[in-house]
């Protein structure tokens, strides 16, 4: 599940991506990673949540979360 972000001031190559994955969406993050391809893999059957955090050169952050099956 790749992600792409845009920033008004930082070029895309200077954005950093982090993710946390909550297997079964139970409120507990089980996995973490860096890079734009964070949720690739095999997961047990069920609904899971990925939380993306993108940081620009100035340290500003934004987050995006979505469920996947």
N, C-alpha and C. Protein backbone atom coordinates (compact mmCIF):
# COMPACT_ATOMS: atom_id res chain seq x y z
N UNK A 1 0.83 -1.18 0.00
CA UNK A 1 0.00 0.00 0.00
C UNK A 1 0.88 1.24 0.00
N UNK A 2 1.28 1.70 -1.13
CA UNK A 2 2.12 2.89 -1.17
C UNK A 2 1.32 4.17 -0.89
N UNK A 3 2.01 5.20 -0.44
CA UNK A 3 1.40 6.49 -0.16
C UNK A 3 2.28 7.57 -0.78
N UNK A 4 1.65 8.67 -1.13
CA UNK A 4 2.39 9.81 -1.66
C UNK A 4 1.80 11.07 -1.04
N UNK A 5 2.67 11.98 -0.64
CA UNK A 5 2.24 13.24 -0.04
C UNK A 5 2.85 14.40 -0.81
N UNK A 6 2.25 15.56 -0.66
CA UNK A 6 2.75 16.79 -1.27
C UNK A 6 2.86 17.86 -0.20
N UNK A 7 3.82 18.75 -0.37
CA UNK A 7 4.03 19.83 0.57
C UNK A 7 4.21 21.12 -0.22
N UNK A 8 3.72 22.21 0.31
CA UNK A 8 3.81 23.49 -0.40
C UNK A 8 5.24 24.01 -0.51
N UNK A 9 6.11 23.61 0.42
CA UNK A 9 7.46 24.18 0.45
C UNK A 9 8.58 23.17 0.27
N UNK A 10 8.39 21.93 0.71
CA UNK A 10 9.42 20.90 0.58
C UNK A 10 9.19 20.06 -0.67
N UNK A 11 10.26 19.80 -1.39
CA UNK A 11 10.17 18.90 -2.55
C UNK A 11 9.87 17.49 -2.05
N UNK A 12 9.20 16.70 -2.86
CA UNK A 12 8.74 15.38 -2.43
C UNK A 12 9.88 14.47 -1.94
N UNK A 13 11.08 14.62 -2.51
CA UNK A 13 12.19 13.76 -2.08
C UNK A 13 12.68 14.09 -0.68
N UNK A 14 12.25 15.22 -0.10
CA UNK A 14 12.65 15.60 1.24
C UNK A 14 11.58 15.31 2.30
N UNK A 15 10.51 14.66 1.91
CA UNK A 15 9.49 14.24 2.86
C UNK A 15 9.86 12.87 3.41
N UNK A 16 9.63 12.66 4.70
CA UNK A 16 9.88 11.34 5.28
C UNK A 16 8.54 10.71 5.67
N UNK A 17 8.47 9.41 5.54
CA UNK A 17 7.24 8.66 5.77
C UNK A 17 7.47 7.62 6.86
N UNK A 18 6.56 7.56 7.80
CA UNK A 18 6.56 6.54 8.84
C UNK A 18 5.16 5.95 8.91
N UNK A 19 5.07 4.70 9.33
CA UNK A 19 3.75 4.10 9.48
C UNK A 19 3.71 3.19 10.69
N UNK A 20 2.52 3.03 11.21
CA UNK A 20 2.25 2.09 12.28
C UNK A 20 1.02 1.29 11.87
N UNK A 21 1.06 -0.01 12.13
CA UNK A 21 -0.05 -0.88 11.73
C UNK A 21 -0.66 -1.52 12.97
N UNK A 22 -1.97 -1.37 13.06
CA UNK A 22 -2.77 -1.95 14.15
C UNK A 22 -3.49 -3.17 13.58
N UNK A 23 -2.91 -4.34 13.82
CA UNK A 23 -3.53 -5.58 13.33
C UNK A 23 -4.81 -5.82 14.12
N UNK A 24 -5.90 -6.04 13.42
CA UNK A 24 -7.25 -6.25 13.94
C UNK A 24 -7.90 -4.97 14.48
N UNK A 25 -7.27 -3.80 14.26
CA UNK A 25 -7.86 -2.51 14.68
C UNK A 25 -8.37 -2.54 16.12
N UNK A 26 -7.52 -3.04 17.01
CA UNK A 26 -7.94 -3.15 18.42
C UNK A 26 -7.33 -2.06 19.31
N UNK A 27 -6.71 -1.05 18.69
CA UNK A 27 -6.14 0.05 19.46
C UNK A 27 -4.69 -0.14 19.86
N UNK A 28 -4.07 -1.24 19.43
CA UNK A 28 -2.69 -1.52 19.77
C UNK A 28 -1.87 -1.64 18.48
N UNK A 29 -0.88 -0.78 18.31
CA UNK A 29 -0.05 -0.85 17.10
C UNK A 29 0.97 -1.96 17.25
N UNK A 30 0.99 -2.87 16.27
CA UNK A 30 1.82 -4.06 16.33
C UNK A 30 3.08 -3.97 15.48
N UNK A 31 3.04 -3.19 14.43
CA UNK A 31 4.17 -3.08 13.49
C UNK A 31 4.44 -1.61 13.20
N UNK A 32 5.68 -1.31 12.86
CA UNK A 32 6.05 0.06 12.48
C UNK A 32 7.08 -0.03 11.36
N UNK A 33 7.10 0.99 10.52
CA UNK A 33 8.05 1.00 9.43
C UNK A 33 8.29 2.40 8.92
N UNK A 34 9.24 2.50 8.00
CA UNK A 34 9.55 3.76 7.35
C UNK A 34 9.49 3.56 5.84
N UNK A 35 9.28 4.63 5.11
CA UNK A 35 9.19 4.56 3.67
C UNK A 35 7.76 4.60 3.18
N UNK A 36 7.60 4.68 1.88
CA UNK A 36 6.28 4.86 1.28
C UNK A 36 5.52 3.56 1.05
N UNK A 37 6.13 2.41 1.24
CA UNK A 37 5.47 1.12 0.98
C UNK A 37 5.23 0.35 2.26
N UNK A 38 4.65 1.00 3.25
CA UNK A 38 4.59 0.46 4.60
C UNK A 38 3.78 -0.76 4.87
N UNK A 39 2.68 -1.00 4.21
CA UNK A 39 1.79 -2.10 4.61
C UNK A 39 1.89 -3.31 3.71
N UNK A 40 2.93 -3.40 2.91
CA UNK A 40 3.08 -4.58 2.06
C UNK A 40 3.32 -5.79 2.95
N UNK A 41 2.67 -6.88 2.62
CA UNK A 41 2.86 -8.10 3.39
C UNK A 41 1.60 -8.92 3.45
N UNK A 42 1.67 -10.00 4.19
CA UNK A 42 0.53 -10.89 4.37
C UNK A 42 0.03 -10.70 5.79
N UNK A 43 -1.27 -10.47 5.92
CA UNK A 43 -1.89 -10.22 7.21
C UNK A 43 -2.99 -11.23 7.45
N UNK A 44 -3.28 -11.52 8.71
CA UNK A 44 -4.39 -12.44 8.99
C UNK A 44 -5.72 -11.86 8.51
N UNK A 45 -6.68 -12.72 8.28
CA UNK A 45 -8.00 -12.27 7.85
C UNK A 45 -8.60 -11.37 8.92
N UNK A 46 -9.10 -10.21 8.49
CA UNK A 46 -9.71 -9.26 9.42
C UNK A 46 -9.49 -7.84 8.95
N UNK A 47 -9.93 -6.90 9.74
CA UNK A 47 -9.79 -5.48 9.44
C UNK A 47 -8.61 -4.93 10.23
N UNK A 48 -7.75 -4.21 9.55
CA UNK A 48 -6.54 -3.66 10.15
C UNK A 48 -6.48 -2.16 9.86
N UNK A 49 -5.66 -1.44 10.60
CA UNK A 49 -5.54 0.01 10.45
C UNK A 49 -4.08 0.37 10.20
N UNK A 50 -3.85 1.28 9.27
CA UNK A 50 -2.51 1.83 9.08
C UNK A 50 -2.57 3.33 9.34
N UNK A 51 -1.62 3.82 10.11
CA UNK A 51 -1.50 5.23 10.42
C UNK A 51 -0.20 5.73 9.81
N UNK A 52 -0.32 6.64 8.87
CA UNK A 52 0.84 7.25 8.21
C UNK A 52 1.16 8.58 8.85
N UNK A 53 2.44 8.86 9.04
CA UNK A 53 2.91 10.17 9.48
C UNK A 53 3.94 10.64 8.46
N UNK A 54 3.71 11.82 7.89
CA UNK A 54 4.64 12.40 6.91
C UNK A 54 5.22 13.66 7.53
N UNK A 55 6.54 13.81 7.43
CA UNK A 55 7.25 14.95 8.00
C UNK A 55 8.00 15.68 6.91
N UNK A 56 7.91 17.02 6.91
CA UNK A 56 8.64 17.81 5.92
C UNK A 56 9.98 18.29 6.50
N UNK A 57 10.73 19.04 5.71
CA UNK A 57 12.06 19.50 6.11
C UNK A 57 12.05 20.38 7.36
N UNK A 58 10.94 21.05 7.63
CA UNK A 58 10.84 21.95 8.79
C UNK A 58 10.36 21.24 10.04
N UNK A 59 10.06 19.96 9.92
CA UNK A 59 9.58 19.20 11.07
C UNK A 59 8.06 19.20 11.21
N UNK A 60 7.37 19.82 10.26
CA UNK A 60 5.90 19.79 10.29
C UNK A 60 5.43 18.38 9.94
N UNK A 61 4.40 17.92 10.65
CA UNK A 61 3.89 16.58 10.42
C UNK A 61 2.40 16.61 10.11
N UNK A 62 1.98 15.61 9.34
CA UNK A 62 0.56 15.39 9.11
C UNK A 62 0.34 13.89 9.13
N UNK A 63 -0.86 13.48 9.50
CA UNK A 63 -1.17 12.06 9.60
C UNK A 63 -2.40 11.72 8.78
N UNK A 64 -2.43 10.47 8.36
CA UNK A 64 -3.55 9.92 7.61
C UNK A 64 -3.71 8.47 8.06
N UNK A 65 -4.93 8.07 8.34
CA UNK A 65 -5.19 6.69 8.76
C UNK A 65 -6.29 6.10 7.89
N UNK A 66 -6.16 4.82 7.59
CA UNK A 66 -7.25 4.13 6.90
C UNK A 66 -7.22 2.65 7.21
N UNK A 67 -8.37 2.05 7.07
CA UNK A 67 -8.52 0.61 7.32
C UNK A 67 -8.27 -0.17 6.05
N UNK A 68 -7.77 -1.38 6.22
CA UNK A 68 -7.62 -2.29 5.08
C UNK A 68 -7.97 -3.70 5.53
N UNK A 69 -8.27 -4.55 4.55
CA UNK A 69 -8.74 -5.91 4.84
C UNK A 69 -7.78 -6.93 4.31
